[in-house]
Amino acid sequence: MFVLKCNIEIGNLTFDQVVDVKITRSVDLLSDTAVIKLPAKFVLKGSDESQQTEKEIKVGDVVSITLAYKNNFKRTEFKGFVTKVKPTTPVEIICEDSVWKIRQKSCNKNFKKTNLKSVLDYIVSETGVAISGNIPEVKFHKFLLKNINGAQALQKIKQEYGLSIFLDDDNNLFAGLRQTEGVGKEVVYDLYYNIIKNNLEFKTADEIKIKIKAKGWKSNNTYVEVEVGDKDGALQTWQTHQIQDKKGLEKFAKSKLLEQKYDGYTGNVISFLIPFADRSMTANVIDERYPERKGKYFIPKVVILFGTKGARRIVTLGRKISA
């Protein structure tokens, strides 16, 4: 029998019981987030007096969430800070990873002839966050940050340059092209064995209608543009400052198209806390009834639920990596 356990540290307080926890981790979101629901009052060990939750927990308190099955599984699923305490019933503790620290920084600087790494170094300086060693060489003719916080500055880069930006498990800031390949770790899902439910739909490449428009920006603020894909497909626009010729841009656009047009599954699977899966891993999906549909998929997003009704891991399937 699997017995659920948790250890949630908020500031100087430790809780081994909660109403609910929801953790969201994604390569497409700037930060990992968590929502912790606690009773309006609690009693400290060794005390007979109850404490009001909303008064004892403060914005900026350090948060750590560890979930487990007794003697079978234990993992720290989230580390971050309290960003808001909502005095509802139950009390909701809203949390964010170290992007919250970056959010506290005011950014005002006019960069000239710089690069992505220099801008990122400025944004995260004095926040306790380091820069990943895999930052691509992206040159900026100029880049202006005016009266915005660090998180808004990162969002500006993310939107204007089409980059994926998030904190990895080592608390390092990653910025680069959206990750579509697994990092070497794999989880196996047998659709009729080790999952609770699947919300998957199998589609062929011909059924998926997508049109990709790609813009390659030049240093003089002009751009090259190409379109590939289905004329009647759902339009997606990508921008890059790294590719500035039509041939290279067309190759880039076709790679984005192939990430989404394939014979395979779309949707998510729902499991218990085990087997363990996380964003950036590979999901190896096995279907006994349709063995020809087996395949390996990149995992862009995982949502973890924990509470009085049990524990669930909701794993979204992204691009199909291989059969």
Protein backbone atom coordinates (compact mmCIF):
# COMPACT_ATOMS: atom_id res chain seq x y z
CA MET A 1 0.00 0.00 0.00
CA PHE A 2 1.30 3.46 -0.96
CA VAL A 3 0.96 6.02 1.84
CA LEU A 4 1.10 9.66 0.77
CA LYS A 5 3.29 12.08 2.72
CA CYS A 6 4.34 15.68 2.30
CA ASN A 7 6.77 18.11 3.84
CA ILE A 8 6.03 21.74 3.07
CA GLU A 9 8.33 24.40 4.48
CA ILE A 10 7.22 28.03 4.40
CA GLY A 11 9.55 30.41 6.18
CA ASN A 12 10.13 28.90 9.66
CA LEU A 13 6.96 26.79 9.48
CA THR A 14 6.69 23.14 8.44
CA PHE A 15 3.45 21.43 7.42
CA ASP A 16 2.94 17.71 6.92
CA GLN A 17 -0.74 18.11 6.04
CA VAL A 18 -2.39 20.40 3.49
CA VAL A 19 -5.76 20.80 1.82
CA ASP A 20 -4.35 20.98 -1.70
CA VAL A 21 -1.17 21.69 -3.65
CA LYS A 22 -0.87 22.48 -7.35
CA ILE A 23 2.56 22.83 -9.00
CA THR A 24 3.03 23.85 -12.64
CA ARG A 25 6.36 23.36 -14.46
CA SER A 26 6.75 24.20 -18.16
CA VAL A 27 9.45 25.07 -20.67
CA ASP A 28 7.00 27.59 -22.14
CA LEU A 29 6.38 29.55 -18.93
CA LEU A 30 8.81 32.06 -17.47
CA SER A 31 8.54 30.59 -13.97
CA ASP A 32 7.43 27.48 -12.11
CA THR A 33 4.49 28.19 -9.83
CA ALA A 34 2.75 26.57 -6.88
CA VAL A 35 -0.54 27.15 -5.09
CA ILE A 36 -0.76 25.75 -1.55
CA LYS A 37 -4.13 25.62 0.22
CA LEU A 38 -3.94 25.48 4.03
CA PRO A 39 -6.53 25.61 6.82
CA ALA A 40 -7.27 29.12 8.12
CA LYS A 41 -5.74 28.11 11.48
CA PHE A 42 -3.06 25.65 12.57
CA VAL A 43 -1.48 24.50 15.84
CA LEU A 44 2.29 24.27 16.21
CA LYS A 45 3.73 21.10 17.69
CA GLY A 46 4.14 21.44 21.44
CA SER A 47 1.56 24.23 21.63
CA ASP A 48 -2.12 24.31 22.45
CA GLU A 49 -2.78 27.68 20.86
CA SER A 50 -3.94 27.98 17.25
CA GLN A 51 -2.24 30.36 14.82
CA GLN A 52 -3.89 32.28 11.98
CA THR A 53 -2.32 31.09 8.75
CA GLU A 54 -2.62 34.37 6.83
CA LYS A 55 -0.85 36.29 9.62
CA GLU A 56 2.03 33.82 10.05
CA ILE A 57 2.98 33.51 6.38
CA LYS A 58 4.48 36.52 4.61
CA VAL A 59 5.33 37.51 1.04
CA GLY A 60 8.99 36.64 0.40
CA ASP A 61 9.04 33.60 2.71
CA VAL A 62 11.13 30.76 1.26
CA VAL A 63 9.06 27.75 0.14
CA SER A 64 10.01 24.11 -0.36
CA ILE A 65 7.50 21.38 -1.32
CA THR A 66 8.51 17.73 -0.94
CA LEU A 67 6.02 15.00 -1.86
CA ALA A 68 6.40 11.29 -1.17
CA TYR A 69 5.02 7.80 -0.92
CA LYS A 70 6.28 6.39 2.37
CA ASN A 71 9.30 4.10 1.77
CA ASN A 72 8.78 4.22 -2.02
CA PHE A 73 9.27 7.71 -3.44
CA LYS A 74 10.40 11.12 -2.23
CA ARG A 75 11.18 14.24 -4.22
CA THR A 76 11.35 17.99 -3.73
CA GLU A 77 8.96 19.13 -6.45
CA PHE A 78 9.18 22.90 -5.94
CA LYS A 79 11.42 25.57 -4.46
CA GLY A 80 10.58 29.25 -4.48
CA PHE A 81 9.02 32.13 -2.58
CA VAL A 82 5.62 33.27 -1.37
CA THR A 83 4.28 35.97 -3.71
CA LYS A 84 0.78 36.39 -2.27
CA VAL A 85 -1.36 35.20 0.64
CA LYS A 86 -5.08 35.11 -0.17
CA PRO A 87 -7.28 35.17 2.96
CA THR A 88 -9.84 32.74 1.55
CA THR A 89 -11.12 29.55 3.14
CA PRO A 90 -8.93 27.57 2.89
CA VAL A 91 -6.06 30.11 2.77
CA GLU A 92 -4.26 30.15 -0.59
CA ILE A 93 -0.48 30.62 -0.65
CA ILE A 94 0.65 31.68 -4.14
CA CYS A 95 4.30 30.86 -4.88
CA GLU A 96 6.84 31.40 -7.65
CA ASP A 97 10.36 30.10 -8.23
CA SER A 98 13.41 32.41 -8.18
CA VAL A 99 11.97 34.48 -11.01
CA TRP A 100 10.26 36.22 -8.08
CA LYS A 101 13.71 37.50 -7.01
CA ILE A 102 14.33 38.75 -10.54
CA ARG A 103 10.92 40.41 -10.44
CA GLN A 104 12.09 42.58 -7.53
CA LYS A 105 14.84 44.18 -9.62
CA SER A 106 14.24 47.47 -11.45
CA CYS A 107 15.78 47.57 -14.92
CA ASN A 108 16.78 50.80 -16.63
CA LYS A 109 19.54 50.57 -19.19
CA ASN A 110 20.15 51.42 -22.83
CA PHE A 111 22.38 48.76 -24.44
CA LYS A 112 24.26 49.48 -27.68
CA LYS A 113 25.95 46.79 -29.77
CA THR A 114 25.60 44.09 -27.16
CA ASN A 115 24.49 40.45 -27.00
CA LEU A 116 21.90 38.31 -25.26
CA LYS A 117 24.23 37.06 -22.52
CA SER A 118 25.28 40.59 -21.52
CA VAL A 119 21.65 41.66 -21.23
CA LEU A 120 20.76 38.57 -19.18
CA ASP A 121 23.77 39.11 -16.90
CA TYR A 122 22.49 42.60 -16.15
CA ILE A 123 18.92 41.41 -15.51
CA VAL A 124 19.90 38.68 -13.01
CA SER A 125 22.79 40.48 -11.30
CA GLU A 126 22.39 40.60 -7.50
CA THR A 127 19.35 38.26 -7.60
CA GLY A 128 21.12 35.02 -6.68
CA VAL A 129 20.27 33.50 -10.08
CA ALA A 130 23.07 32.34 -12.40
CA ILE A 131 23.08 32.17 -16.19
CA SER A 132 23.09 28.80 -17.93
CA GLY A 133 26.20 27.92 -19.90
CA ASN A 134 24.11 27.22 -23.02
CA ILE A 135 23.12 30.77 -23.98
CA PRO A 136 23.17 31.19 -27.79
CA GLU A 137 25.13 33.98 -29.46
CA VAL A 138 22.43 36.55 -30.25
CA LYS A 139 23.67 40.05 -31.11
CA PHE A 140 21.65 43.20 -30.43
CA HIS A 141 22.29 46.43 -32.37
CA LYS A 142 20.52 48.12 -29.46
CA PHE A 143 18.29 47.04 -26.61
CA LEU A 144 16.36 49.34 -24.27
CA LEU A 145 15.08 48.46 -20.80
CA LYS A 146 13.13 51.34 -19.29
CA ASN A 147 11.20 51.36 -16.00
CA ILE A 148 10.41 47.64 -15.97
CA ASN A 149 11.24 44.87 -13.53
CA GLY A 150 13.52 41.93 -14.26
CA ALA A 151 10.72 39.49 -15.03
CA GLN A 152 9.15 41.98 -17.47
CA ALA A 153 12.56 42.38 -19.11
CA LEU A 154 12.81 38.62 -19.59
CA GLN A 155 9.27 38.54 -20.99
CA LYS A 156 10.26 41.29 -23.45
CA ILE A 157 13.16 39.16 -24.72
CA LYS A 158 10.92 36.09 -24.85
CA GLN A 159 8.27 37.81 -26.94
CA GLU A 160 10.43 39.92 -29.24
CA TYR A 161 13.02 37.27 -30.00
CA GLY A 162 10.96 34.07 -29.85
CA LEU A 163 13.14 32.51 -27.17
CA SER A 164 12.21 30.04 -24.46
CA ILE A 165 13.25 31.35 -21.03
CA PHE A 166 12.93 29.51 -17.72
CA LEU A 167 14.90 28.44 -14.64
CA ASP A 168 16.32 24.93 -14.70
CA ASP A 169 16.57 22.62 -11.68
CA ASP A 170 19.96 24.10 -10.75
CA ASN A 171 18.40 27.58 -10.48
CA ASN A 172 20.19 28.68 -13.65
CA LEU A 173 18.42 30.85 -16.19
CA PHE A 174 18.07 29.17 -19.59
CA ALA A 175 17.38 31.24 -22.70
CA GLY A 176 17.38 29.81 -26.19
CA LEU A 177 15.28 28.18 -28.86
CA ARG A 178 12.33 26.23 -27.49
CA GLN A 179 13.47 22.84 -26.29
CA THR A 180 11.94 19.96 -28.27
CA GLU A 181 14.28 17.09 -27.44
CA GLY A 182 14.44 15.15 -24.17
CA VAL A 183 17.42 15.70 -21.88
CA GLY A 184 18.27 12.00 -21.64
CA LYS A 185 15.82 11.01 -18.90
CA GLU A 186 12.88 8.87 -19.98
CA VAL A 187 9.56 7.78 -18.48
CA VAL A 188 7.59 4.84 -19.91
CA TYR A 189 3.80 5.02 -20.08
CA ASP A 190 1.82 1.89 -20.89
CA LEU A 191 -1.65 3.23 -21.69
CA TYR A 192 -3.26 0.15 -20.11
CA TYR A 193 -0.98 -0.36 -17.12
CA ASN A 194 0.70 2.48 -15.23
CA ILE A 195 -1.57 5.48 -15.79
CA ILE A 196 -4.91 6.48 -14.31
CA LYS A 197 -6.32 8.10 -17.42
CA ASN A 198 -5.24 9.38 -20.80
CA ASN A 199 -6.60 12.39 -22.64
CA LEU A 200 -4.85 11.52 -25.86
CA GLU A 201 -5.94 11.74 -29.46
CA PHE A 202 -4.08 10.02 -32.28
CA LYS A 203 -3.78 12.11 -35.43
CA THR A 204 -2.00 11.69 -38.74
CA ALA A 205 0.21 14.42 -40.15
CA ASP A 206 -2.37 15.10 -42.90
CA GLU A 207 -5.04 15.86 -40.29
CA ILE A 208 -2.94 18.57 -38.64
CA LYS A 209 -3.32 21.85 -40.53
CA ILE A 210 -0.67 24.45 -39.66
CA LYS A 211 0.86 27.41 -41.47
CA ILE A 212 4.14 28.84 -40.22
CA LYS A 213 5.20 32.44 -40.88
CA ALA A 214 8.80 33.13 -39.92
CA LYS A 215 10.46 36.55 -39.70
CA GLY A 216 14.22 37.02 -39.62
CA TRP A 217 15.12 40.43 -38.21
CA LYS A 218 18.21 42.29 -39.39
CA SER A 219 20.28 44.79 -37.39
CA ASN A 220 18.80 47.72 -39.39
CA ASN A 221 15.31 46.79 -38.12
CA THR A 222 14.16 45.31 -41.46
CA TYR A 223 13.23 41.65 -41.82
CA VAL A 224 13.06 38.71 -44.20
CA GLU A 225 9.84 36.66 -44.16
CA VAL A 226 8.80 33.20 -45.37
CA GLU A 227 5.65 31.06 -45.09
CA VAL A 228 5.45 27.26 -45.14
CA GLY A 229 2.73 24.72 -44.42
CA ASP A 230 -0.96 24.41 -45.16
CA LYS A 231 -2.62 27.42 -46.79
CA ASP A 232 -5.78 26.86 -44.71
CA GLY A 233 -3.87 25.96 -41.55
CA ALA A 234 -3.83 27.71 -38.18
CA LEU A 235 -1.28 30.52 -38.46
CA GLN A 236 1.75 30.59 -36.16
CA THR A 237 4.30 33.41 -36.31
CA TRP A 238 7.92 32.94 -35.26
CA GLN A 239 10.58 35.62 -35.03
CA THR A 240 14.34 35.24 -34.91
CA HIS A 241 17.33 37.56 -34.88
CA GLN A 242 19.74 34.70 -35.50
CA ILE A 243 18.68 33.84 -39.07
CA GLN A 244 18.61 36.64 -41.64
CA ASP A 245 18.59 34.89 -45.04
CA LYS A 246 15.58 33.33 -46.79
CA LYS A 247 17.12 29.90 -47.27
CA GLY A 248 18.04 29.56 -43.60
CA LEU A 249 14.71 31.02 -42.53
CA GLU A 250 12.78 28.51 -44.66
CA LYS A 251 14.74 25.66 -43.08
CA PHE A 252 13.92 27.08 -39.64
CA ALA A 253 10.19 27.39 -40.51
CA LYS A 254 10.04 23.83 -41.87
CA SER A 255 11.64 22.51 -38.67
CA LYS A 256 8.90 24.27 -36.66
CA LEU A 257 6.31 22.70 -38.94
CA LEU A 258 7.74 19.20 -38.51
CA GLU A 259 7.65 19.63 -34.74
CA GLN A 260 3.86 19.67 -34.95
CA LYS A 261 2.90 17.71 -38.11
CA TYR A 262 3.43 14.01 -37.43
CA ASP A 263 1.53 10.76 -36.97
CA GLY A 264 1.13 10.55 -33.23
CA TYR A 265 -0.62 11.50 -30.03
CA THR A 266 -1.59 14.92 -28.73
CA GLY A 267 -2.92 15.61 -25.24
CA ASN A 268 -1.86 14.41 -21.80
CA VAL A 269 -1.67 11.40 -19.52
CA ILE A 270 -2.59 11.33 -15.83
CA SER A 271 -0.64 9.12 -13.43
CA PHE A 272 0.09 8.87 -9.72
CA LEU A 273 3.31 10.52 -8.46
CA ILE A 274 5.13 7.52 -9.89
CA PRO A 275 6.34 6.90 -12.50
CA PHE A 276 8.20 10.18 -12.08
CA ALA A 277 8.14 12.63 -14.99
CA ASP A 278 9.16 16.25 -15.38
CA ARG A 279 9.31 18.92 -18.06
CA SER A 280 12.17 18.41 -20.56
CA MET A 281 12.08 14.61 -20.19
CA THR A 282 11.04 12.06 -22.85
CA ALA A 283 7.80 10.07 -22.59
CA ASN A 284 7.93 6.61 -24.18
CA VAL A 285 4.28 5.77 -24.91
CA ILE A 286 3.25 2.14 -25.40
CA ASP A 287 -0.21 1.14 -26.67
CA GLU A 288 -0.82 -2.64 -26.54
CA ARG A 289 -3.97 -2.45 -28.67
CA TYR A 290 -2.24 -0.41 -31.37
CA PRO A 291 1.46 -1.32 -31.19
CA GLU A 292 2.14 0.63 -34.39
CA ARG A 293 1.26 3.82 -32.49
CA LYS A 294 4.13 3.55 -30.01
CA GLY A 295 6.44 6.52 -29.90
CA LYS A 296 8.65 8.82 -27.87
CA TYR A 297 7.53 12.37 -27.11
CA PHE A 298 9.10 15.47 -25.62
CA ILE A 299 7.43 16.61 -22.35
CA PRO A 300 6.97 20.42 -22.32
CA LYS A 301 4.72 20.65 -19.25
CA VAL A 302 3.88 18.82 -16.04
CA VAL A 303 1.23 19.72 -13.45
CA ILE A 304 1.43 18.04 -10.01
CA LEU A 305 -1.66 17.82 -7.80
CA PHE A 306 -1.54 16.72 -4.15
CA GLY A 307 -4.14 16.85 -1.41
CA THR A 308 -6.92 15.17 0.51
CA LYS A 309 -8.10 13.41 -2.68
CA GLY A 310 -4.70 11.90 -3.45
CA ALA A 311 -1.86 12.78 -5.80
CA ARG A 312 -1.69 13.11 -9.56
CA ARG A 313 0.90 13.98 -12.18
CA ILE A 314 -0.57 15.41 -15.39
CA VAL A 315 1.97 15.09 -18.20
CA THR A 316 1.52 16.93 -21.50
CA LEU A 317 2.96 15.32 -24.64
CA GLY A 318 4.74 17.64 -27.05
CA ARG A 319 6.64 16.92 -30.24
CA LYS A 320 7.10 13.30 -31.28
CA ILE A 321 10.82 12.58 -31.13
CA SER A 322 10.89 9.06 -32.62
CA ALA A 323 8.76 5.99 -33.26
